[in-house]
Amino acid sequence: MESAVEELMPRLLPVGDCDLTEDFDPTVPPRTPQEYLKRVQIEAARCPDVVVAQIDPKKLKKKQTVNISLSGCQPAPVGYSPTLKWQQQQVAQFSTIRQNVNKNRDHWKTQQLDSNVAIPRSEDEEAWKKFCLGEKLYFETAVQVSSDDNEGIDYVQIGFPPLLSIVSRMNQATVTSVLEYLTNWLANKEFTPELGRWLYALLACLEKPLLPEAHSLIRQLARQCSEVRALENKDDEKVSALNLIICLVGRYFDQHDLADEAT
């Protein structure tokens, strides 16, 4: 084995055995060049021929390689696809909303939030799901929402709406993260008005040109919406909301291969 190592890693400066005194102690700092070289030789001899890394699988749990489908959206079932005029109107309205958000962002960012509004940390996926959708939906529990004006609305239970005073405080990294969290939610749960409002607001805050991760994410969102749409009744109000998100991704963010065909 030693000769094989010699062939693979030839010594740049060959060093022979060092003649040292009998009181040489390799555990103390070297005092001469000879002691230093001898200590290096001893340490090299103790190194194993093969080293196996000790990897904690828990640390890799959220960093696994995933297979991303490059296919387009599922075609809209007959009677589901919106007209081209409707899509153009939605894009124009969305563009105006984005301009207003950007124009007034600094103003709304300085507005004081209510005492019950605690914006989660960007990396806390579960906290954001509860914040946006409410604990009632998150835990799938039946919670009676009070109609007493004196008590007020319990937004912790029903979810905080995407107010400008909230979304204006979110930087692009947070916008992208929360959009990813809610897209993941849509893959396993039903589409709700609360979810739709937040998806629309996050898209309105997403800056162009898109970063690569945002580009991939909104395409995933549109595909997911098309899959959910195919399972809904044509007259369900969810279809219009799903059409809107697919329209914005396809026509405003220029992912034309995902847009519904004009009718």
C-alpha atoms as a PDB file:
ATOM      1  CA  MET A   1       0.000   0.000   0.000  1.00  0.00           C
ATOM      2  CA  GLU A   2       2.820   2.364   0.790  1.00  0.00           C
ATOM      3  CA  SER A   3       4.287   1.996  -2.695  1.00  0.00           C
ATOM      4  CA  ALA A   4       0.870   2.651  -4.244  1.00  0.00           C
ATOM      5  CA  VAL A   5       0.527   5.870  -2.269  1.00  0.00           C
ATOM      6  CA  GLU A   6       4.011   6.817  -3.348  1.00  0.00           C
ATOM      7  CA  GLU A   7       3.007   6.418  -6.997  1.00  0.00           C
ATOM      8  CA  LEU A   8      -0.249   8.349  -6.662  1.00  0.00           C
ATOM      9  CA  MET A   9       1.152  11.147  -4.528  1.00  0.00           C
ATOM     10  CA  PRO A  10       4.892  11.479  -5.140  1.00  0.00           C
ATOM     11  CA  ARG A  11       6.744  13.516  -2.553  1.00  0.00           C
ATOM     12  CA  LEU A  12       7.586  16.977  -3.690  1.00  0.00           C
ATOM     13  CA  LEU A  13      10.513  17.209  -1.249  1.00  0.00           C
ATOM     14  CA  PRO A  14      11.519  13.689  -0.166  1.00  0.00           C
ATOM     15  CA  VAL A  15      12.541  13.590   3.471  1.00  0.00           C
ATOM     16  CA  GLY A  16      14.364  10.684   5.058  1.00  0.00           C
ATOM     17  CA  ASP A  17      14.121   9.568   8.665  1.00  0.00           C
ATOM     18  CA  CYS A  18      15.211  12.274  11.025  1.00  0.00           C
ATOM     19  CA  ASP A  19      17.846  11.442  13.628  1.00  0.00           C
ATOM     20  CA  LEU A  20      16.454  12.808  16.855  1.00  0.00           C
ATOM     21  CA  THR A  21      17.436  12.530  20.465  1.00  0.00           C
ATOM     22  CA  GLU A  22      15.875   9.856  22.666  1.00  0.00           C
ATOM     23  CA  ASP A  23      13.900  12.431  24.649  1.00  0.00           C
ATOM     24  CA  PHE A  24      11.916  13.509  21.549  1.00  0.00           C
ATOM     25  CA  ASP A  25       8.251  13.964  22.520  1.00  0.00           C
ATOM     26  CA  PRO A  26       5.830  14.189  19.537  1.00  0.00           C
ATOM     27  CA  THR A  27       3.078  15.590  21.763  1.00  0.00           C
ATOM     28  CA  VAL A  28       4.812  18.892  22.419  1.00  0.00           C
ATOM     29  CA  PRO A  29       5.328  21.674  19.872  1.00  0.00           C
ATOM     30  CA  PRO A  30       8.425  21.047  17.690  1.00  0.00           C
ATOM     31  CA  ARG A  31      11.543  23.035  18.558  1.00  0.00           C
ATOM     32  CA  THR A  32      13.615  22.312  15.449  1.00  0.00           C
ATOM     33  CA  PRO A  33      12.919  21.690  11.740  1.00  0.00           C
ATOM     34  CA  GLN A  34      13.852  18.040  12.218  1.00  0.00           C
ATOM     35  CA  GLU A  35      11.311  17.627  15.022  1.00  0.00           C
ATOM     36  CA  TYR A  36       8.629  19.269  12.898  1.00  0.00           C
ATOM     37  CA  LEU A  37       9.282  16.937   9.933  1.00  0.00           C
ATOM     38  CA  LYS A  38       9.332  13.902  12.210  1.00  0.00           C
ATOM     39  CA  ARG A  39       6.019  14.936  13.722  1.00  0.00           C
ATOM     40  CA  VAL A  40       4.502  15.280  10.229  1.00  0.00           C
ATOM     41  CA  GLN A  41       5.710  11.761   9.355  1.00  0.00           C
ATOM     42  CA  ILE A  42       4.173  10.337  12.525  1.00  0.00           C
ATOM     43  CA  GLU A  43       0.818  12.040  11.911  1.00  0.00           C
ATOM     44  CA  ALA A  44       0.758  10.880   8.275  1.00  0.00           C
ATOM     45  CA  ALA A  45       1.440   7.295   9.324  1.00  0.00           C
ATOM     46  CA  ARG A  46      -1.544   7.403  11.680  1.00  0.00           C
ATOM     47  CA  CYS A  47      -3.990   8.465   8.967  1.00  0.00           C
ATOM     48  CA  PRO A  48      -6.248   5.611   7.778  1.00  0.00           C
ATOM     49  CA  ASP A  49      -6.084   4.532   4.160  1.00  0.00           C
ATOM     50  CA  VAL A  50      -9.852   5.015   3.759  1.00  0.00           C
ATOM     51  CA  VAL A  51     -11.946   7.672   5.504  1.00  0.00           C
ATOM     52  CA  VAL A  52     -15.752   7.440   5.689  1.00  0.00           C
ATOM     53  CA  ALA A  53     -17.668  10.659   6.345  1.00  0.00           C
ATOM     54  CA  GLN A  54     -20.176  10.585   9.192  1.00  0.00           C
ATOM     55  CA  ILE A  55     -23.274  12.291   7.747  1.00  0.00           C
ATOM     56  CA  ASP A  56     -26.358  13.154   9.750  1.00  0.00           C
ATOM     57  CA  PRO A  57     -29.354  12.344   7.473  1.00  0.00           C
ATOM     58  CA  LYS A  58     -31.524  14.839   9.365  1.00  0.00           C
ATOM     59  CA  LYS A  59     -29.419  17.733   8.075  1.00  0.00           C
ATOM     60  CA  LEU A  60     -30.100  16.682   4.486  1.00  0.00           C
ATOM     61  CA  LYS A  61     -33.842  16.243   4.935  1.00  0.00           C
ATOM     62  CA  LYS A  62     -34.708  19.590   3.353  1.00  0.00           C
ATOM     63  CA  LYS A  63     -31.897  19.610   0.821  1.00  0.00           C
ATOM     64  CA  GLN A  64     -32.724  16.569  -1.271  1.00  0.00           C
ATOM     65  CA  THR A  65     -32.535  16.647  -5.037  1.00  0.00           C
ATOM     66  CA  VAL A  66     -36.015  16.765  -6.541  1.00  0.00           C
ATOM     67  CA  ASN A  67     -37.284  15.940  -9.997  1.00  0.00           C
ATOM     68  CA  ILE A  68     -39.087  18.931 -11.498  1.00  0.00           C
ATOM     69  CA  SER A  69     -41.523  18.321 -14.285  1.00  0.00           C
ATOM     70  CA  LEU A  70     -40.917  20.503 -17.329  1.00  0.00           C
ATOM     71  CA  SER A  71     -44.316  19.781 -18.847  1.00  0.00           C
ATOM     72  CA  GLY A  72     -46.933  22.463 -19.322  1.00  0.00           C
ATOM     73  CA  CYS A  73     -50.253  22.916 -17.583  1.00  0.00           C
ATOM     74  CA  GLN A  74     -53.031  20.430 -17.946  1.00  0.00           C
ATOM     75  CA  PRO A  75     -55.296  21.659 -20.749  1.00  0.00           C
ATOM     76  CA  ALA A  76     -58.469  23.266 -19.460  1.00  0.00           C
ATOM     77  CA  PRO A  77     -61.474  20.937 -19.738  1.00  0.00           C
ATOM     78  CA  VAL A  78     -64.117  21.947 -22.227  1.00  0.00           C
ATOM     79  CA  GLY A  79     -65.919  25.033 -20.996  1.00  0.00           C
ATOM     80  CA  TYR A  80     -63.323  25.885 -18.331  1.00  0.00           C
ATOM     81  CA  SER A  81     -60.907  28.041 -20.314  1.00  0.00           C
ATOM     82  CA  PRO A  82     -61.402  31.827 -20.041  1.00  0.00           C
ATOM     83  CA  THR A  83     -61.648  34.051 -23.105  1.00  0.00           C
ATOM     84  CA  LEU A  84     -58.671  35.989 -24.394  1.00  0.00           C
ATOM     85  CA  LYS A  85     -60.473  39.263 -23.600  1.00  0.00           C
ATOM     86  CA  TRP A  86     -60.958  38.197 -19.978  1.00  0.00           C
ATOM     87  CA  GLN A  87     -57.286  37.246 -19.676  1.00  0.00           C
ATOM     88  CA  GLN A  88     -56.151  40.571 -21.119  1.00  0.00           C
ATOM     89  CA  GLN A  89     -58.388  42.463 -18.694  1.00  0.00           C
ATOM     90  CA  GLN A  90     -56.975  40.549 -15.721  1.00  0.00           C
ATOM     91  CA  VAL A  91     -53.398  41.227 -16.818  1.00  0.00           C
ATOM     92  CA  ALA A  92     -54.093  44.960 -17.205  1.00  0.00           C
ATOM     93  CA  GLN A  93     -55.736  45.156 -13.778  1.00  0.00           C
ATOM     94  CA  PHE A  94     -52.914  43.151 -12.198  1.00  0.00           C
ATOM     95  CA  SER A  95     -50.325  45.463 -13.728  1.00  0.00           C
ATOM     96  CA  THR A  96     -52.078  48.496 -12.227  1.00  0.00           C
ATOM     97  CA  ILE A  97     -52.187  46.850  -8.810  1.00  0.00           C
ATOM     98  CA  ARG A  98     -48.469  46.075  -8.964  1.00  0.00           C
ATOM     99  CA  GLN A  99     -47.685  49.692  -9.816  1.00  0.00           C
ATOM    100  CA  ASN A 100     -49.737  50.907  -6.846  1.00  0.00           C
ATOM    101  CA  VAL A 101     -48.052  48.435  -4.502  1.00  0.00           C
ATOM    102  CA  ASN A 102     -44.590  49.553  -5.588  1.00  0.00           C
ATOM    103  CA  LYS A 103     -45.538  53.226  -5.437  1.00  0.00           C
ATOM    104  CA  ASN A 104     -46.899  53.046  -1.894  1.00  0.00           C
ATOM    105  CA  ARG A 105     -44.622  50.369  -0.451  1.00  0.00           C
ATOM    106  CA  ASP A 106     -42.544  52.771   1.655  1.00  0.00           C
ATOM    107  CA  HIS A 107     -45.671  54.372   3.088  1.00  0.00           C
ATOM    108  CA  TRP A 108     -47.336  51.115   4.112  1.00  0.00           C
ATOM    109  CA  LYS A 109     -44.092  49.711   5.463  1.00  0.00           C
ATOM    110  CA  THR A 110     -44.041  52.420   8.127  1.00  0.00           C
ATOM    111  CA  GLN A 111     -47.637  51.853   9.261  1.00  0.00           C
ATOM    112  CA  GLN A 112     -47.941  50.316  12.690  1.00  0.00           C
ATOM    113  CA  LEU A 113     -49.336  46.794  12.790  1.00  0.00           C
ATOM    114  CA  ASP A 114     -52.014  45.687  15.212  1.00  0.00           C
ATOM    115  CA  SER A 115     -50.754  44.103  18.394  1.00  0.00           C
ATOM    116  CA  ASN A 116     -51.985  40.645  17.339  1.00  0.00           C
ATOM    117  CA  VAL A 117     -49.982  40.642  14.089  1.00  0.00           C
ATOM    118  CA  ALA A 118     -46.734  38.707  14.524  1.00  0.00           C
ATOM    119  CA  ILE A 119     -45.071  38.214  11.135  1.00  0.00           C
ATOM    120  CA  PRO A 120     -43.236  34.852  11.127  1.00  0.00           C
ATOM    121  CA  ARG A 121     -39.579  34.373  10.329  1.00  0.00           C
ATOM    122  CA  SER A 122     -38.929  33.819   6.632  1.00  0.00           C
ATOM    123  CA  GLU A 123     -37.714  30.234   7.074  1.00  0.00           C
ATOM    124  CA  ASP A 124     -40.613  29.088   9.304  1.00  0.00           C
ATOM    125  CA  GLU A 125     -42.850  27.307   6.779  1.00  0.00           C
ATOM    126  CA  GLU A 126     -45.458  25.998   9.205  1.00  0.00           C
ATOM    127  CA  ALA A 127     -45.810  29.360  10.955  1.00  0.00           C
ATOM    128  CA  TRP A 128     -46.447  31.081   7.612  1.00  0.00           C
ATOM    129  CA  LYS A 129     -49.109  28.545   6.658  1.00  0.00           C
ATOM    130  CA  LYS A 130     -50.927  29.210   9.928  1.00  0.00           C
ATOM    131  CA  PHE A 131     -50.445  32.978   9.557  1.00  0.00           C
ATOM    132  CA  CYS A 132     -51.865  33.122   6.017  1.00  0.00           C
ATOM    133  CA  LEU A 133     -54.546  30.449   6.194  1.00  0.00           C
ATOM    134  CA  GLY A 134     -55.452  30.443   9.869  1.00  0.00           C
ATOM    135  CA  GLU A 135     -55.209  27.777  12.521  1.00  0.00           C
ATOM    136  CA  LYS A 136     -58.767  26.656  11.749  1.00  0.00           C
ATOM    137  CA  LEU A 137     -57.775  25.579   8.241  1.00  0.00           C
ATOM    138  CA  TYR A 138     -54.261  24.495   9.215  1.00  0.00           C
ATOM    139  CA  PHE A 139     -55.471  22.104  11.897  1.00  0.00           C
ATOM    140  CA  GLU A 140     -58.695  21.316   9.997  1.00  0.00           C
ATOM    141  CA  THR A 141     -60.803  22.101  13.031  1.00  0.00           C
ATOM    142  CA  ALA A 142     -64.261  23.577  13.260  1.00  0.00           C
ATOM    143  CA  VAL A 143     -63.871  26.946  14.936  1.00  0.00           C
ATOM    144  CA  GLN A 144     -66.834  29.229  15.500  1.00  0.00           C
ATOM    145  CA  VAL A 145     -65.931  32.732  14.303  1.00  0.00           C
ATOM    146  CA  SER A 146     -67.546  35.364  16.496  1.00  0.00           C
ATOM    147  CA  SER A 147     -69.824  37.909  14.874  1.00  0.00           C
ATOM    148  CA  ASP A 148     -69.812  40.167  17.934  1.00  0.00           C
ATOM    149  CA  ASP A 149     -68.328  43.524  16.916  1.00  0.00           C
ATOM    150  CA  ASN A 150     -67.058  44.040  20.446  1.00  0.00           C
ATOM    151  CA  GLU A 151     -64.919  40.919  20.296  1.00  0.00           C
ATOM    152  CA  GLY A 152     -63.607  41.532  16.786  1.00  0.00           C
ATOM    153  CA  ILE A 153     -62.428  38.978  14.257  1.00  0.00           C
ATOM    154  CA  ASP A 154     -59.988  36.337  15.411  1.00  0.00           C
ATOM    155  CA  TYR A 155     -57.479  36.418  12.550  1.00  0.00           C
ATOM    156  CA  VAL A 156     -55.294  33.851  14.284  1.00  0.00           C
ATOM    157  CA  GLN A 157     -58.072  31.353  13.634  1.00  0.00           C
ATOM    158  CA  ILE A 158     -59.159  32.417  10.132  1.00  0.00           C
ATOM    159  CA  GLY A 159     -55.830  33.746   8.835  1.00  0.00           C
ATOM    160  CA  PHE A 160     -54.492  37.253   8.353  1.00  0.00           C
ATOM    161  CA  PRO A 161     -55.412  38.846   5.015  1.00  0.00           C
ATOM    162  CA  PRO A 162     -52.523  40.025   2.797  1.00  0.00           C
ATOM    163  CA  LEU A 163     -52.808  43.645   3.845  1.00  0.00           C
ATOM    164  CA  LEU A 164     -50.426  46.160   2.273  1.00  0.00           C
ATOM    165  CA  SER A 165     -49.052  46.911   5.724  1.00  0.00           C
ATOM    166  CA  ILE A 166     -47.992  43.248   5.921  1.00  0.00           C
ATOM    167  CA  VAL A 167     -46.791  42.399   2.408  1.00  0.00           C
ATOM    168  CA  SER A 168     -44.879  45.694   2.139  1.00  0.00           C
ATOM    169  CA  ARG A 169     -42.634  44.482   4.951  1.00  0.00           C
ATOM    170  CA  MET A 170     -41.712  41.307   3.057  1.00  0.00           C
ATOM    171  CA  ASN A 171     -38.475  41.335   1.057  1.00  0.00           C
ATOM    172  CA  GLN A 172     -38.112  39.294  -2.129  1.00  0.00           C
ATOM    173  CA  ALA A 173     -36.567  36.320  -0.339  1.00  0.00           C
ATOM    174  CA  THR A 174     -39.562  36.157   2.012  1.00  0.00           C
ATOM    175  CA  VAL A 175     -42.062  36.631  -0.828  1.00  0.00           C
ATOM    176  CA  THR A 176     -40.495  33.745  -2.721  1.00  0.00           C
ATOM    177  CA  SER A 177     -40.332  31.528   0.371  1.00  0.00           C
ATOM    178  CA  VAL A 178     -43.966  32.091   1.341  1.00  0.00           C
ATOM    179  CA  LEU A 179     -45.061  31.535  -2.255  1.00  0.00           C
ATOM    180  CA  GLU A 180     -43.237  28.210  -2.141  1.00  0.00           C
ATOM    181  CA  TYR A 181     -44.849  27.272   1.188  1.00  0.00           C
ATOM    182  CA  LEU A 182     -48.348  27.960  -0.122  1.00  0.00           C
ATOM    183  CA  THR A 183     -47.668  26.156  -3.394  1.00  0.00           C
ATOM    184  CA  ASN A 184     -46.621  23.134  -1.338  1.00  0.00           C
ATOM    185  CA  TRP A 185     -49.842  23.463   0.630  1.00  0.00           C
ATOM    186  CA  LEU A 186     -51.901  23.487  -2.585  1.00  0.00           C
ATOM    187  CA  ALA A 187     -50.264  20.241  -3.660  1.00  0.00           C
ATOM    188  CA  ASN A 188     -51.767  18.430  -0.674  1.00  0.00           C
ATOM    189  CA  LYS A 189     -54.805  20.483   0.376  1.00  0.00           C
ATOM    190  CA  GLU A 190     -57.829  22.039  -1.282  1.00  0.00           C
ATOM    191  CA  PHE A 191     -57.883  25.476  -2.858  1.00  0.00           C
ATOM    192  CA  THR A 192     -59.573  28.049  -0.610  1.00  0.00           C
ATOM    193  CA  PRO A 193     -60.361  31.787  -0.891  1.00  0.00           C
ATOM    194  CA  GLU A 194     -57.739  32.508   1.799  1.00  0.00           C
ATOM    195  CA  LEU A 195     -55.105  30.706  -0.233  1.00  0.00           C
ATOM    196  CA  GLY A 196     -56.155  32.432  -3.439  1.00  0.00           C
ATOM    197  CA  ARG A 197     -55.918  35.912  -1.907  1.00  0.00           C
ATOM    198  CA  TRP A 198     -52.399  35.268  -0.643  1.00  0.00           C
ATOM    199  CA  LEU A 199     -51.197  33.758  -3.913  1.00  0.00           C
ATOM    200  CA  TYR A 200     -52.485  36.797  -5.806  1.00  0.00           C
ATOM    201  CA  ALA A 201     -50.867  39.226  -3.347  1.00  0.00           C
ATOM    202  CA  LEU A 202     -47.515  37.431  -3.444  1.00  0.00           C
ATOM    203  CA  LEU A 203     -47.492  37.432  -7.230  1.00  0.00           C
ATOM    204  CA  ALA A 204     -48.227  41.168  -7.101  1.00  0.00           C
ATOM    205  CA  CYS A 205     -45.133  41.648  -4.915  1.00  0.00           C
ATOM    206  CA  LEU A 206     -42.860  39.450  -7.019  1.00  0.00           C
ATOM    207  CA  GLU A 207     -40.318  41.628  -8.797  1.00  0.00           C
ATOM    208  CA  LYS A 208     -39.356  41.299 -12.455  1.00  0.00           C
ATOM    209  CA  PRO A 209     -37.079  40.108 -13.928  1.00  0.00           C
ATOM    210  CA  LEU A 210     -37.653  36.886 -12.052  1.00  0.00           C
ATOM    211  CA  LEU A 211     -34.875  35.124 -10.228  1.00  0.00           C
ATOM    212  CA  PRO A 212     -34.340  31.512 -11.404  1.00  0.00           C
ATOM    213  CA  GLU A 213     -35.930  30.034  -8.272  1.00  0.00           C
ATOM    214  CA  ALA A 214     -38.970  32.315  -8.608  1.00  0.00           C
ATOM    215  CA  HIS A 215     -39.279  31.436 -12.294  1.00  0.00           C
ATOM    216  CA  SER A 216     -39.377  27.721 -11.503  1.00  0.00           C
ATOM    217  CA  LEU A 217     -41.740  28.285  -8.591  1.00  0.00           C
ATOM    218  CA  ILE A 218     -44.467  30.184 -10.448  1.00  0.00           C
ATOM    219  CA  ARG A 219     -44.415  27.567 -13.206  1.00  0.00           C
ATOM    220  CA  GLN A 220     -44.923  24.908 -10.577  1.00  0.00           C
ATOM    221  CA  LEU A 221     -47.778  26.974  -9.135  1.00  0.00           C
ATOM    222  CA  ALA A 222     -49.531  27.280 -12.508  1.00  0.00           C
ATOM    223  CA  ARG A 223     -49.218  23.551 -13.177  1.00  0.00           C
ATOM    224  CA  GLN A 224     -50.594  22.799  -9.724  1.00  0.00           C
ATOM    225  CA  CYS A 225     -53.541  25.128 -10.302  1.00  0.00           C
ATOM    226  CA  SER A 226     -54.325  23.435 -13.610  1.00  0.00           C
ATOM    227  CA  GLU A 227     -54.387  20.037 -11.908  1.00  0.00           C
ATOM    228  CA  VAL A 228     -56.729  21.288  -9.193  1.00  0.00           C
ATOM    229  CA  ARG A 229     -58.964  22.975 -11.784  1.00  0.00           C
ATOM    230  CA  ALA A 230     -59.444  19.733 -13.686  1.00  0.00           C
ATOM    231  CA  LEU A 231     -60.989  18.188 -10.570  1.00  0.00           C
ATOM    232  CA  GLU A 232     -63.443  21.009  -9.845  1.00  0.00           C
ATOM    233  CA  ASN A 233     -67.007  21.463 -11.066  1.00  0.00           C
ATOM    234  CA  LYS A 234     -67.180  23.904 -13.969  1.00  0.00           C
ATOM    235  CA  ASP A 235     -69.580  26.190 -12.126  1.00  0.00           C
ATOM    236  CA  ASP A 236     -67.530  26.266  -8.920  1.00  0.00           C
ATOM    237  CA  GLU A 237     -66.217  29.752  -8.084  1.00  0.00           C
ATOM    238  CA  LYS A 238     -62.804  28.191  -7.499  1.00  0.00           C
ATOM    239  CA  VAL A 239     -62.407  27.685 -11.253  1.00  0.00           C
ATOM    240  CA  SER A 240     -62.376  31.438 -11.915  1.00  0.00           C
ATOM    241  CA  ALA A 241     -59.739  31.983  -9.197  1.00  0.00           C
ATOM    242  CA  LEU A 242     -57.571  29.163 -10.538  1.00  0.00           C
ATOM    243  CA  ASN A 243     -57.945  30.533 -14.075  1.00  0.00           C
ATOM    244  CA  LEU A 244     -56.752  33.902 -12.795  1.00  0.00           C
ATOM    245  CA  ILE A 245     -53.527  32.537 -11.314  1.00  0.00           C
ATOM    246  CA  ILE A 246     -52.777  30.482 -14.430  1.00  0.00           C
ATOM    247  CA  CYS A 247     -53.486  33.583 -16.543  1.00  0.00           C
ATOM    248  CA  LEU A 248     -51.104  35.798 -14.546  1.00  0.00           C
ATOM    249  CA  VAL A 249     -48.279  33.271 -14.618  1.00  0.00           C
ATOM    250  CA  GLY A 250     -48.724  32.578 -18.306  1.00  0.00           C
ATOM    251  CA  ARG A 251     -49.456  36.034 -19.681  1.00  0.00           C
ATOM    252  CA  TYR A 252     -48.081  38.611 -17.227  1.00  0.00           C
ATOM    253  CA  PHE A 253     -44.920  36.715 -16.278  1.00  0.00           C
ATOM    254  CA  ASP A 254     -44.418  35.583 -19.892  1.00  0.00           C
ATOM    255  CA  GLN A 255     -44.709  31.839 -19.353  1.00  0.00           C
ATOM    256  CA  HIS A 256     -46.734  31.599 -22.533  1.00  0.00           C
ATOM    257  CA  ASP A 257     -46.529  27.828 -22.832  1.00  0.00           C
ATOM    258  CA  LEU A 258     -48.541  27.586 -19.598  1.00  0.00           C
ATOM    259  CA  ALA A 259     -51.284  30.031 -20.599  1.00  0.00           C
ATOM    260  CA  ASP A 260     -54.741  28.806 -21.514  1.00  0.00           C
ATOM    261  CA  GLU A 261     -55.416  28.867 -25.214  1.00  0.00           C
ATOM    262  CA  ALA A 262     -57.373  31.879 -26.359  1.00  0.00           C
ATOM    263  CA  THR A 263     -61.066  31.284 -26.982  1.00  0.00           C
END
